């Protein structure tokens, strides 16, 4: 049995933040308790419109995801 390698990345670039959208949608759709306010459709435009300063997002995932 192989073990998945977890990785953590700090995202500070808006283009990298936008690139997370497809992965975010997949995760959001798999969560039965997800709300519209947690979706990338809501939060990505919100951040672009109202961000008070530098972007600092932490992204976690498994290799290959």
C-alpha atoms as a PDB file:
ATOM      1  CA  UNK A   1       0.000   0.000   0.000  1.00  0.00           C
ATOM      2  CA  UNK A   2       1.404   3.416  -0.919  1.00  0.00           C
ATOM      3  CA  UNK A   3       1.015   6.404   1.329  1.00  0.00           C
ATOM      4  CA  UNK A   4      -0.122   9.777   0.018  1.00  0.00           C
ATOM      5  CA  UNK A   5       2.239  12.652   0.561  1.00  0.00           C
ATOM      6  CA  UNK A   6       0.504  15.715   1.961  1.00  0.00           C
ATOM      7  CA  UNK A   7       1.710  19.119   0.937  1.00  0.00           C
ATOM      8  CA  UNK A   8       1.046  22.618   2.175  1.00  0.00           C
ATOM      9  CA  UNK A   9       1.612  25.740   0.117  1.00  0.00           C
ATOM     10  CA  UNK A  10       1.210  29.408   1.003  1.00  0.00           C
ATOM     11  CA  UNK A  11      -0.397  31.274  -1.887  1.00  0.00           C
ATOM     12  CA  UNK A  12       0.365  34.974  -2.165  1.00  0.00           C
ATOM     13  CA  UNK A  13      -0.097  35.522  -5.891  1.00  0.00           C
ATOM     14  CA  UNK A  14      -3.618  36.300  -7.172  1.00  0.00           C
ATOM     15  CA  UNK A  15      -3.035  34.200 -10.322  1.00  0.00           C
ATOM     16  CA  UNK A  16      -2.141  31.164  -8.194  1.00  0.00           C
ATOM     17  CA  UNK A  17      -5.236  31.835  -6.075  1.00  0.00           C
ATOM     18  CA  UNK A  18      -7.393  31.843  -9.225  1.00  0.00           C
ATOM     19  CA  UNK A  19      -5.715  28.608 -10.398  1.00  0.00           C
ATOM     20  CA  UNK A  20      -7.063  26.840  -7.283  1.00  0.00           C
ATOM     21  CA  UNK A  21     -10.659  27.321  -8.480  1.00  0.00           C
ATOM     22  CA  UNK A  22     -11.175  23.898 -10.183  1.00  0.00           C
ATOM     23  CA  UNK A  23      -9.753  22.049  -7.157  1.00  0.00           C
ATOM     24  CA  UNK A  24     -11.817  24.220  -4.823  1.00  0.00           C
ATOM     25  CA  UNK A  25     -15.010  23.434  -6.758  1.00  0.00           C
ATOM     26  CA  UNK A  26     -14.302  19.699  -6.503  1.00  0.00           C
ATOM     27  CA  UNK A  27     -13.767  19.929  -2.750  1.00  0.00           C
ATOM     28  CA  UNK A  28     -16.805  22.187  -2.267  1.00  0.00           C
ATOM     29  CA  UNK A  29     -19.074  19.811  -4.220  1.00  0.00           C
ATOM     30  CA  UNK A  30     -17.975  16.862  -2.071  1.00  0.00           C
ATOM     31  CA  UNK A  31     -18.946  18.584   1.185  1.00  0.00           C
ATOM     32  CA  UNK A  32     -22.605  18.050   2.134  1.00  0.00           C
ATOM     33  CA  UNK A  33     -22.485  20.974   4.548  1.00  0.00           C
ATOM     34  CA  UNK A  34     -20.909  23.469   2.118  1.00  0.00           C
ATOM     35  CA  UNK A  35     -22.670  26.800   1.774  1.00  0.00           C
ATOM     36  CA  UNK A  36     -22.705  29.130  -1.245  1.00  0.00           C
ATOM     37  CA  UNK A  37     -20.562  31.547   0.749  1.00  0.00           C
ATOM     38  CA  UNK A  38     -17.739  28.960   0.867  1.00  0.00           C
ATOM     39  CA  UNK A  39     -17.745  28.398  -2.886  1.00  0.00           C
ATOM     40  CA  UNK A  40     -15.170  29.865  -5.244  1.00  0.00           C
ATOM     41  CA  UNK A  41     -18.051  31.502  -7.141  1.00  0.00           C
ATOM     42  CA  UNK A  42     -18.588  33.708  -4.104  1.00  0.00           C
ATOM     43  CA  UNK A  43     -15.169  34.048  -2.502  1.00  0.00           C
ATOM     44  CA  UNK A  44     -12.901  34.593  -5.523  1.00  0.00           C
ATOM     45  CA  UNK A  45     -14.835  37.649  -6.812  1.00  0.00           C
ATOM     46  CA  UNK A  46     -15.262  38.879  -3.227  1.00  0.00           C
ATOM     47  CA  UNK A  47     -11.516  38.787  -2.674  1.00  0.00           C
ATOM     48  CA  UNK A  48     -10.809  40.586  -5.965  1.00  0.00           C
ATOM     49  CA  UNK A  49     -13.344  43.312  -5.079  1.00  0.00           C
ATOM     50  CA  UNK A  50     -12.781  43.806  -1.363  1.00  0.00           C
ATOM     51  CA  UNK A  51      -9.323  42.474  -0.452  1.00  0.00           C
ATOM     52  CA  UNK A  52      -7.858  44.843   2.121  1.00  0.00           C
ATOM     53  CA  UNK A  53      -4.242  44.008   1.300  1.00  0.00           C
ATOM     54  CA  UNK A  54      -1.840  41.243   0.450  1.00  0.00           C
ATOM     55  CA  UNK A  55      -3.269  37.804  -0.268  1.00  0.00           C
ATOM     56  CA  UNK A  56      -2.253  35.027   2.132  1.00  0.00           C
ATOM     57  CA  UNK A  57      -3.963  31.688   1.503  1.00  0.00           C
ATOM     58  CA  UNK A  58      -2.865  28.255   2.682  1.00  0.00           C
ATOM     59  CA  UNK A  59      -3.595  25.376   0.296  1.00  0.00           C
ATOM     60  CA  UNK A  60      -3.329  21.764   1.436  1.00  0.00           C
ATOM     61  CA  UNK A  61      -3.505  18.703  -0.758  1.00  0.00           C
ATOM     62  CA  UNK A  62      -2.161  15.296  -1.633  1.00  0.00           C
ATOM     63  CA  UNK A  63       0.393  14.780  -4.385  1.00  0.00           C
ATOM     64  CA  UNK A  64      -1.472  14.252  -7.627  1.00  0.00           C
ATOM     65  CA  UNK A  65      -4.498  16.305  -6.521  1.00  0.00           C
END
